[in-house]
Protein backbone atom coordinates (compact mmCIF):
# COMPACT_ATOMS: atom_id res chain seq x y z
CA UNK A 1 -37.03 -18.46 -5.95
CA UNK A 2 -36.07 -20.74 -9.08
CA UNK A 3 -39.45 -21.20 -10.42
CA UNK A 4 -39.30 -16.85 -10.67
CA UNK A 5 -36.53 -17.58 -13.63
CA UNK A 6 -39.38 -18.59 -15.24
CA UNK A 7 -40.98 -15.75 -15.76
CA UNK A 8 -38.10 -14.70 -18.36
CA UNK A 9 -37.38 -17.31 -20.72
CA UNK A 10 -35.25 -16.88 -24.01
CA UNK A 11 -37.37 -16.92 -27.57
CA UNK A 12 -34.58 -19.00 -29.09
CA UNK A 13 -36.02 -22.70 -28.34
CA UNK A 14 -32.78 -24.85 -27.20
CA UNK A 15 -31.91 -21.73 -24.77
CA UNK A 16 -35.60 -21.77 -23.40
CA UNK A 17 -35.57 -25.46 -22.91
CA UNK A 18 -32.33 -25.92 -20.74
CA UNK A 19 -33.77 -22.63 -18.81
CA UNK A 20 -36.78 -24.58 -18.35
CA UNK A 21 -35.13 -27.80 -17.75
CA UNK A 22 -32.91 -25.48 -14.59
CA UNK A 23 -35.74 -24.38 -13.06
CA UNK A 24 -38.21 -27.06 -12.80
CA UNK A 25 -35.82 -30.16 -12.90
CA UNK A 26 -33.63 -28.12 -9.68
CA UNK A 27 -37.08 -27.50 -8.10
CA UNK A 28 -38.63 -30.74 -8.45
CA UNK A 29 -35.44 -32.40 -6.88
CA UNK A 30 -34.54 -29.64 -4.16
CA UNK A 31 -38.42 -29.72 -3.14
CA UNK A 32 -38.42 -33.37 -3.25
CA UNK A 33 -34.79 -34.13 -0.76
CA UNK A 34 -36.13 -31.20 1.24
CA UNK A 35 -39.58 -32.40 2.18
CA UNK A 36 -37.82 -35.60 3.19
CA UNK A 37 -35.64 -34.25 5.33
CA UNK A 38 -38.57 -32.38 6.68
CA UNK A 39 -40.86 -35.14 7.56
CA UNK A 40 -38.61 -37.58 8.56
CA UNK A 41 -37.02 -35.01 11.24
CA UNK A 42 -40.16 -34.25 12.36
CA UNK A 43 -41.61 -37.17 12.76
CA UNK A 44 -38.38 -39.06 14.38
CA UNK A 45 -38.03 -35.65 16.77
CA UNK A 46 -41.75 -36.23 17.73
CA UNK A 47 -41.10 -40.15 18.96
CA UNK A 48 -42.96 -41.46 16.00
CA UNK A 49 -41.91 -44.83 14.43
CA UNK A 50 -40.91 -45.59 10.82
CA UNK A 51 -42.78 -48.60 9.05
CA UNK A 52 -41.02 -51.38 8.01
CA UNK A 53 -39.43 -50.75 4.63
CA UNK A 54 -40.58 -54.02 2.00
CA UNK A 55 -38.17 -53.42 -1.21
CA UNK A 56 -40.17 -54.26 -4.14
CA UNK A 57 -38.91 -54.95 -7.06
CA UNK A 58 -37.04 -52.67 -9.55
CA UNK A 59 -37.99 -54.17 -13.10
CA UNK A 60 -40.89 -51.22 -13.79
CA UNK A 61 -38.18 -48.80 -13.55
CA UNK A 62 -35.69 -50.29 -15.50
CA UNK A 63 -38.26 -50.81 -17.93
CA UNK A 64 -39.26 -47.16 -18.24
CA UNK A 65 -35.65 -46.08 -18.57
CA UNK A 66 -35.13 -46.67 -22.15
CA UNK A 67 -38.65 -44.89 -22.82
CA UNK A 68 -37.47 -42.15 -20.72
CA UNK A 69 -33.91 -41.66 -23.00
CA UNK A 70 -36.12 -42.03 -26.13
CA UNK A 71 -38.55 -39.52 -25.69
CA UNK A 72 -35.84 -37.25 -23.37
CA UNK A 73 -33.95 -37.76 -26.61
CA UNK A 74 -37.03 -36.74 -28.88
CA UNK A 75 -37.17 -33.69 -27.53
CA UNK A 76 -33.96 -32.54 -27.26
CA UNK A 77 -33.95 -32.75 -31.10
CA UNK A 78 -37.21 -30.29 -31.06
CA UNK A 79 -37.09 -28.19 -27.98
CA UNK A 80 -39.94 -26.17 -29.06
CA UNK A 81 -41.80 -29.58 -28.80
CA UNK A 82 -43.19 -30.57 -25.27
CA UNK A 83 -40.10 -28.40 -23.51
CA UNK A 84 -42.38 -28.42 -20.07
CA UNK A 85 -41.89 -32.77 -20.05
CA UNK A 86 -38.13 -32.59 -20.17
CA UNK A 87 -37.45 -31.07 -16.51
CA UNK A 88 -39.23 -34.68 -15.08
CA UNK A 89 -37.86 -36.81 -17.99
CA UNK A 90 -34.25 -35.63 -17.16
CA UNK A 91 -35.18 -36.38 -13.46
CA UNK A 92 -36.12 -39.52 -14.37
CA UNK A 93 -33.15 -40.64 -15.75
CA UNK A 94 -31.15 -38.97 -13.35
CA UNK A 95 -32.96 -40.95 -10.33
CA UNK A 96 -33.99 -44.49 -11.41
CA UNK A 97 -30.02 -45.25 -11.65
CA UNK A 98 -30.16 -44.56 -8.38
CA UNK A 99 -32.78 -45.76 -6.50
CA UNK A 100 -33.03 -49.24 -8.66
CA UNK A 101 -29.33 -50.14 -7.29
CA UNK A 102 -30.65 -48.68 -3.25
CA UNK A 103 -33.58 -50.62 -3.88
CA UNK A 104 -32.62 -53.70 -5.23
CA UNK A 105 -29.43 -53.99 -2.74
CA UNK A 106 -31.75 -53.18 0.15
CA UNK A 107 -34.09 -55.92 -0.93
CA UNK A 108 -31.68 -58.57 -1.36
CA UNK A 109 -30.33 -58.00 2.29
CA UNK A 110 -33.72 -58.12 3.82
CA UNK A 111 -34.03 -61.69 2.37
CA UNK A 112 -30.22 -62.97 3.25
CA UNK A 113 -30.22 -61.46 6.47
CA UNK A 114 -34.21 -61.85 7.86
CA UNK A 115 -32.90 -62.18 11.94
CA UNK A 116 -31.05 -58.24 10.94
CA UNK A 117 -33.48 -55.56 12.44
CA UNK A 118 -35.65 -54.71 10.03
CA UNK A 119 -34.67 -51.94 7.64
CA UNK A 120 -36.88 -49.00 8.05
CA UNK A 121 -37.89 -46.00 5.46
CA UNK A 122 -36.17 -43.40 7.58
CA UNK A 123 -33.07 -45.78 7.85
CA UNK A 124 -32.78 -45.84 3.76
CA UNK A 125 -34.39 -42.34 2.71
CA UNK A 126 -31.90 -40.62 5.59
CA UNK A 127 -28.99 -42.88 3.84
CA UNK A 128 -29.84 -41.69 0.44
CA UNK A 129 -30.43 -38.37 1.51
CA UNK A 130 -26.98 -38.30 3.22
CA UNK A 131 -25.34 -39.01 0.34
CA UNK A 132 -27.26 -36.52 -1.82
CA UNK A 133 -26.42 -33.31 0.60
CA UNK A 134 -23.92 -34.02 3.26
CA UNK A 135 -21.61 -36.18 1.72
CA UNK A 136 -21.74 -34.33 -1.75
CA UNK A 137 -21.51 -31.03 -0.01
CA UNK A 138 -18.75 -31.47 2.14
CA UNK A 139 -16.69 -33.95 -0.46
CA UNK A 140 -17.08 -30.87 -3.04
CA UNK A 141 -15.90 -27.83 -1.15
CA UNK A 142 -12.61 -30.03 -0.65
CA UNK A 143 -12.33 -30.70 -4.15
CA UNK A 144 -12.90 -27.76 -4.87
CA UNK A 145 -9.97 -26.16 -2.63
CA UNK A 146 -7.77 -28.59 -3.86
CA UNK A 147 -8.49 -27.79 -7.60
CA UNK A 148 -7.96 -24.26 -7.30
CA UNK A 149 -5.06 -24.53 -4.45
CA UNK A 150 -2.91 -26.96 -6.73
CA UNK A 151 -3.87 -24.92 -9.87
CA UNK A 152 -2.92 -21.78 -8.79
CA UNK A 153 0.66 -23.70 -7.32
CA UNK A 154 1.02 -25.56 -10.61
CA UNK A 155 0.47 -22.31 -12.94
CA UNK A 156 2.73 -20.33 -10.87
CA UNK A 157 5.94 -22.32 -11.22
CA UNK A 158 5.52 -24.17 -14.89
CA UNK A 159 2.57 -22.11 -16.46
CA UNK A 160 1.66 -18.10 -17.38
CA UNK A 161 -0.89 -15.66 -16.65
CA UNK A 162 -2.71 -14.84 -13.77
CA UNK A 163 -2.44 -17.89 -11.23
CA UNK A 164 -5.91 -17.72 -9.87
CA UNK A 165 -7.25 -17.51 -13.58
CA UNK A 166 -7.51 -21.31 -14.13
CA UNK A 167 -9.89 -21.37 -16.90
CA UNK A 168 -6.76 -19.44 -19.20
CA UNK A 169 -4.09 -20.35 -16.88
CA UNK A 170 -4.00 -24.23 -16.67
CA UNK A 171 -3.75 -24.73 -20.66
CA UNK A 172 -0.72 -23.37 -20.82
CA UNK A 173 0.80 -25.94 -18.55
CA UNK A 174 3.39 -28.43 -20.15
CA UNK A 175 1.47 -31.58 -21.31
CA UNK A 176 3.19 -33.60 -18.32
CA UNK A 177 2.32 -30.96 -15.93
CA UNK A 178 -1.18 -30.71 -17.48
CA UNK A 179 -1.70 -34.71 -17.33
CA UNK A 180 -0.88 -34.58 -13.72
CA UNK A 181 -2.97 -31.91 -12.09
CA UNK A 182 -6.04 -33.37 -14.61
CA UNK A 183 -5.49 -36.72 -12.95
CA UNK A 184 -4.80 -35.84 -9.62
CA UNK A 185 -8.41 -34.24 -9.41
CA UNK A 186 -10.25 -36.61 -11.33
CA UNK A 187 -8.41 -39.87 -10.45
CA UNK A 188 -6.80 -39.40 -7.32
CA UNK A 189 -8.48 -36.25 -4.76
CA UNK A 190 -12.10 -37.19 -5.60
CA UNK A 191 -12.02 -40.72 -5.53
CA UNK A 192 -9.73 -40.61 -1.55
CA UNK A 193 -12.13 -37.52 -0.65
CA UNK A 194 -16.09 -38.85 -1.52
CA UNK A 195 -15.59 -42.18 -0.90
CA UNK A 196 -14.54 -40.93 2.71
CA UNK A 197 -17.36 -38.77 3.65
CA UNK A 198 -20.02 -41.27 1.90
CA UNK A 199 -19.01 -44.07 3.92
CA UNK A 200 -18.79 -42.31 6.83
CA UNK A 201 -22.90 -42.76 6.73
CA UNK A 202 -21.53 -45.64 8.46
CA UNK A 203 -20.08 -43.87 11.46
CA UNK A 204 -23.06 -41.38 11.43
CA UNK A 205 -25.72 -44.78 11.65
CA UNK A 206 -23.46 -45.91 14.98
CA UNK A 207 -27.03 -46.05 17.21
CA UNK A 208 -28.16 -49.30 14.62
CA UNK A 209 -24.88 -51.04 14.66
CA UNK A 210 -25.13 -52.37 11.91
CA UNK A 211 -22.85 -55.37 10.73
CA UNK A 212 -21.23 -55.77 8.09
CA UNK A 213 -23.84 -56.49 5.46
CA UNK A 214 -25.72 -53.61 6.41
CA UNK A 215 -23.16 -51.14 6.58
CA UNK A 216 -22.50 -52.32 2.77
CA UNK A 217 -26.15 -51.57 2.46
CA UNK A 218 -26.19 -47.89 4.02
CA UNK A 219 -22.64 -47.33 1.72
CA UNK A 220 -24.66 -48.46 -1.89
CA UNK A 221 -27.67 -45.78 -0.12
CA UNK A 222 -25.07 -43.25 0.78
CA UNK A 223 -23.26 -44.05 -2.78
CA UNK A 224 -26.46 -43.46 -4.31
CA UNK A 225 -28.26 -40.58 -3.35
CA UNK A 226 -24.17 -39.04 -4.03
CA UNK A 227 -24.64 -39.88 -7.50
CA UNK A 228 -28.30 -38.65 -8.41
CA UNK A 229 -27.33 -34.95 -7.08
CA UNK A 230 -23.93 -35.21 -8.81
CA UNK A 231 -25.66 -36.61 -11.84
CA UNK A 232 -28.17 -34.32 -11.95
CA UNK A 233 -25.86 -31.71 -11.44
CA UNK A 234 -23.71 -32.68 -14.70
CA UNK A 235 -27.28 -32.73 -16.84
CA UNK A 236 -27.97 -28.96 -15.46
CA UNK A 237 -24.10 -27.67 -16.13
CA UNK A 238 -24.99 -24.06 -14.66
CA UNK A 239 -21.50 -22.52 -14.79
CA UNK A 240 -21.82 -22.25 -18.77
CA UNK A 241 -25.49 -22.16 -20.09
CA UNK A 242 -23.72 -22.16 -23.86
CA UNK A 243 -21.55 -25.43 -23.18
CA UNK A 244 -24.19 -26.81 -21.85
CA UNK A 245 -26.31 -26.59 -24.69
CA UNK A 246 -23.80 -28.19 -26.21
CA UNK A 247 -22.53 -31.06 -24.08
CA UNK A 248 -26.06 -31.97 -22.04
CA UNK A 249 -28.47 -30.89 -25.04
CA UNK A 250 -26.58 -31.84 -27.85
CA UNK A 251 -27.20 -34.61 -30.72
CA UNK A 252 -26.03 -37.13 -28.12
CA UNK A 253 -27.65 -35.91 -24.92
CA UNK A 254 -28.72 -40.05 -25.20
CA UNK A 255 -25.37 -41.17 -24.63
CA UNK A 256 -25.34 -39.03 -21.80
CA UNK A 257 -28.01 -40.66 -20.14
CA UNK A 258 -26.32 -43.74 -20.54
CA UNK A 259 -23.19 -42.94 -19.33
CA UNK A 260 -24.77 -41.49 -16.36
CA UNK A 261 -26.24 -44.93 -15.66
CA UNK A 262 -23.20 -46.56 -15.68
CA UNK A 263 -21.80 -43.87 -13.20
CA UNK A 264 -25.07 -44.08 -11.05
CA UNK A 265 -23.80 -48.24 -10.79
CA UNK A 266 -19.98 -47.44 -10.05
CA UNK A 267 -20.73 -44.68 -7.29
CA UNK A 268 -23.12 -47.65 -5.49
CA UNK A 269 -20.86 -50.31 -5.71
CA UNK A 270 -17.42 -48.04 -4.48
CA UNK A 271 -19.38 -46.50 -1.43
CA UNK A 272 -20.89 -50.11 -0.51
CA UNK A 273 -17.04 -51.18 -0.47
CA UNK A 274 -15.88 -48.24 1.88
CA UNK A 275 -18.68 -48.08 4.19
CA UNK A 276 -17.59 -52.06 4.11
CA UNK A 277 -13.79 -50.49 4.94
CA UNK A 278 -14.95 -47.70 7.17
CA UNK A 279 -16.94 -50.64 9.49
CA UNK A 280 -14.07 -53.12 9.40
CA UNK A 281 -11.65 -50.13 10.91
CA UNK A 282 -13.95 -48.82 13.77
CA UNK A 283 -14.77 -52.18 14.71
CA UNK A 284 -11.63 -53.44 14.11
CA UNK A 285 -12.54 -56.23 12.20
CA UNK A 286 -9.46 -55.88 9.76
CA UNK A 287 -10.61 -58.34 6.80
CA UNK A 288 -12.67 -55.85 5.37
CA UNK A 289 -10.76 -52.65 5.91
CA UNK A 290 -9.07 -53.06 2.47
CA UNK A 291 -12.98 -52.56 1.37
CA UNK A 292 -12.54 -48.65 1.60
CA UNK A 293 -9.02 -48.93 -0.92
CA UNK A 294 -11.77 -51.57 -2.98
CA UNK A 295 -13.90 -48.38 -3.15
CA UNK A 296 -11.48 -45.66 -3.97
CA UNK A 297 -10.12 -47.95 -7.14
CA UNK A 298 -13.55 -48.57 -8.53
CA UNK A 299 -14.06 -44.94 -8.07
CA UNK A 300 -10.60 -43.65 -9.68
CA UNK A 301 -10.47 -46.32 -12.32
CA UNK A 302 -13.96 -45.26 -13.40
CA UNK A 303 -12.90 -41.56 -13.97
CA UNK A 304 -9.87 -42.09 -15.32
CA UNK A 305 -10.96 -44.43 -18.19
CA UNK A 306 -13.78 -41.16 -18.79
CA UNK A 307 -10.44 -38.86 -18.45
CA UNK A 308 -8.84 -41.33 -21.11
CA UNK A 309 -12.37 -40.60 -23.07
CA UNK A 310 -12.57 -37.05 -22.99
CA UNK A 311 -9.44 -35.57 -21.62
CA UNK A 312 -8.85 -33.01 -23.81
CA UNK A 313 -12.03 -31.15 -22.58
CA UNK A 314 -11.24 -31.04 -19.02
CA UNK A 315 -9.31 -28.73 -16.84
CA UNK A 316 -5.48 -28.19 -18.51
CA UNK A 317 -7.17 -29.98 -21.95
CA UNK A 318 -3.73 -31.42 -21.78
CA UNK A 319 -5.23 -35.36 -22.14
CA UNK A 320 -5.51 -37.22 -25.37
CA UNK A 321 -7.27 -37.36 -28.21
CA UNK A 322 -7.33 -40.76 -29.70
CA UNK A 323 -10.20 -42.74 -31.41
CA UNK A 324 -8.20 -45.91 -30.45
CA UNK A 325 -8.15 -44.93 -26.91
CA UNK A 326 -11.74 -43.87 -26.97
CA UNK A 327 -12.52 -47.65 -27.95
CA UNK A 328 -10.14 -48.62 -25.56
CA UNK A 329 -12.11 -46.25 -22.65
CA UNK A 330 -14.92 -47.20 -23.46
CA UNK A 331 -14.76 -51.06 -22.98
CA UNK A 332 -13.08 -50.08 -20.07
CA UNK A 333 -16.02 -48.27 -18.97
CA UNK A 334 -18.49 -51.50 -20.42
CA UNK A 335 -16.78 -53.73 -18.31
CA UNK A 336 -16.41 -51.87 -14.86
CA UNK A 337 -20.25 -50.97 -15.03
CA UNK A 338 -21.31 -54.82 -15.64
CA UNK A 339 -18.47 -55.83 -12.66
CA UNK A 340 -20.42 -53.26 -10.62
CA UNK A 341 -23.68 -54.49 -11.44
CA UNK A 342 -22.57 -57.76 -10.57
CA UNK A 343 -21.02 -57.25 -7.17
CA UNK A 344 -24.06 -55.32 -5.83
CA UNK A 345 -25.97 -58.04 -6.90
CA UNK A 346 -23.60 -61.14 -4.97
CA UNK A 347 -22.65 -58.94 -2.35
CA UNK A 348 -25.05 -58.75 -0.36
CA UNK A 349 -26.05 -62.39 -0.68
CA UNK A 350 -22.15 -63.11 0.43
CA UNK A 351 -22.21 -61.14 3.25
CA UNK A 352 -23.59 -61.53 6.81
CA UNK A 353 -24.56 -59.59 9.82
CA UNK A 354 -22.57 -61.08 12.44
CA UNK A 355 -25.50 -62.11 15.14
CA UNK A 356 -29.28 -61.88 15.25
CA UNK A 357 -31.33 -58.63 16.82
CA UNK A 358 -31.17 -58.94 20.21
CA UNK A 359 -35.21 -59.14 20.50
CA UNK A 360 -34.69 -62.48 18.04
CA UNK A 361 -32.65 -63.89 20.51
CA UNK A 362 -34.58 -63.41 23.52
CA UNK A 363 -37.68 -64.66 21.73
CA UNK A 364 -35.45 -67.78 20.61
CA UNK A 365 -36.57 -67.07 17.36
CA UNK A 366 -33.85 -68.39 15.59
CA UNK A 367 -33.14 -71.86 13.40
CA UNK A 368 -32.08 -74.72 15.18
CA UNK A 369 -28.75 -76.40 14.97
CA UNK A 370 -27.65 -73.33 12.41
CA UNK A 371 -24.77 -71.19 12.88
CA UNK A 372 -25.76 -67.24 13.50
CA UNK A 373 -24.45 -66.64 10.18
CA UNK A 374 -25.89 -68.82 8.06
CA UNK A 375 -28.92 -68.41 5.86
CA UNK A 376 -31.70 -69.46 8.28
CA UNK A 377 -34.98 -71.93 7.16
CA UNK A 378 -37.77 -70.96 4.85
CA UNK A 379 -39.66 -69.78 7.50
CA UNK A 380 -37.70 -68.12 9.87
CA UNK A 381 -40.72 -66.79 13.09
CA UNK A 382 -42.19 -70.46 12.54
CA UNK A 383 -39.14 -72.64 13.15
CA UNK A 384 -39.09 -72.77 16.66
CA UNK A 385 -43.05 -72.67 17.09
CA UNK A 386 -43.27 -76.40 15.53
CA UNK A 387 -39.48 -77.51 16.19
CA UNK A 388 -39.39 -80.19 18.48
CA UNK A 389 -38.67 -79.96 21.82
CA UNK A 390 -35.54 -82.31 20.96
CA UNK A 391 -34.51 -79.78 18.56
CA UNK A 392 -34.79 -76.96 20.64
CA UNK A 393 -32.42 -78.24 23.88
CA UNK A 394 -29.94 -79.87 21.03
């Protein structure tokens, strides 16, 4: 149905580019996710086993990202040229950061935990799709309810005009209450709400009995999927085409693309910790429980720094507009991005699943003289085959 809109495109080049991006880009994203859902569900219900996932190195995707950013910026500056290719560039820019994070963490998890049950393609895609469709749907509903209810309450008490007209009423709030509302939506309610629903993948995957390392990996998958859809929706801004043309397809579109790449790293990292915290709560492993608070802090900090940079365009429009604060917020975002990327790289190495898969214990395919939570030898599957009987007895 989205593609039917292509029959009545605008003659104005920039508006035409926007309409093509909405129709074609949405179709690509939604049909891809929908096809994966149907395929995985049908094969699971039919009793077909999913293949073992063998994560590949993500460097080709990373190399393609700057190329897509440059080509996309050229199309934005010349909207009459190659408008039909722009949706594919946009989808690539949206998807690459999320997929690179999900692939990197899954690969490092598999290398460090070779005695855990192998991750399947159904498990990997299911985690991403849950974040992209399941978690984001519930979280968006709760965020919207809070925004409308709290906005109407504050307008009726401290603002002017119709309490249900948020677009007009929120800017009438006193600056203090306006900033309180903006920050509560972006840095308090949204992180708590979103990180809970993304991290709940651990509970939905309870039958897989994942350990600490695997639950962190599941969280990264859900956070990557969530970011994929959130970033794509932000790149379209279908509510207001005029605003979208100014913000998303403006002369600084490349900056938007880079900023959302940072957000992708943040979402994956924050939800990895959130899932680890929920794992700790469900399994009564209390040392992991603070991970949920860490995920909220990472997510809330990112949103707050974005608000410091662009607070004058959010909700009440009461946020700061200062070049100094803009520079400080950008520096903070860069530091947070680098920290999140480092954590995504290091956490799979430092976490271990508490026990190997039962099949490996049954077959005695474990490294000799090594605790279960230590790294295995170079070729773990042959460790006992070529080991001496004395080592086995010991």
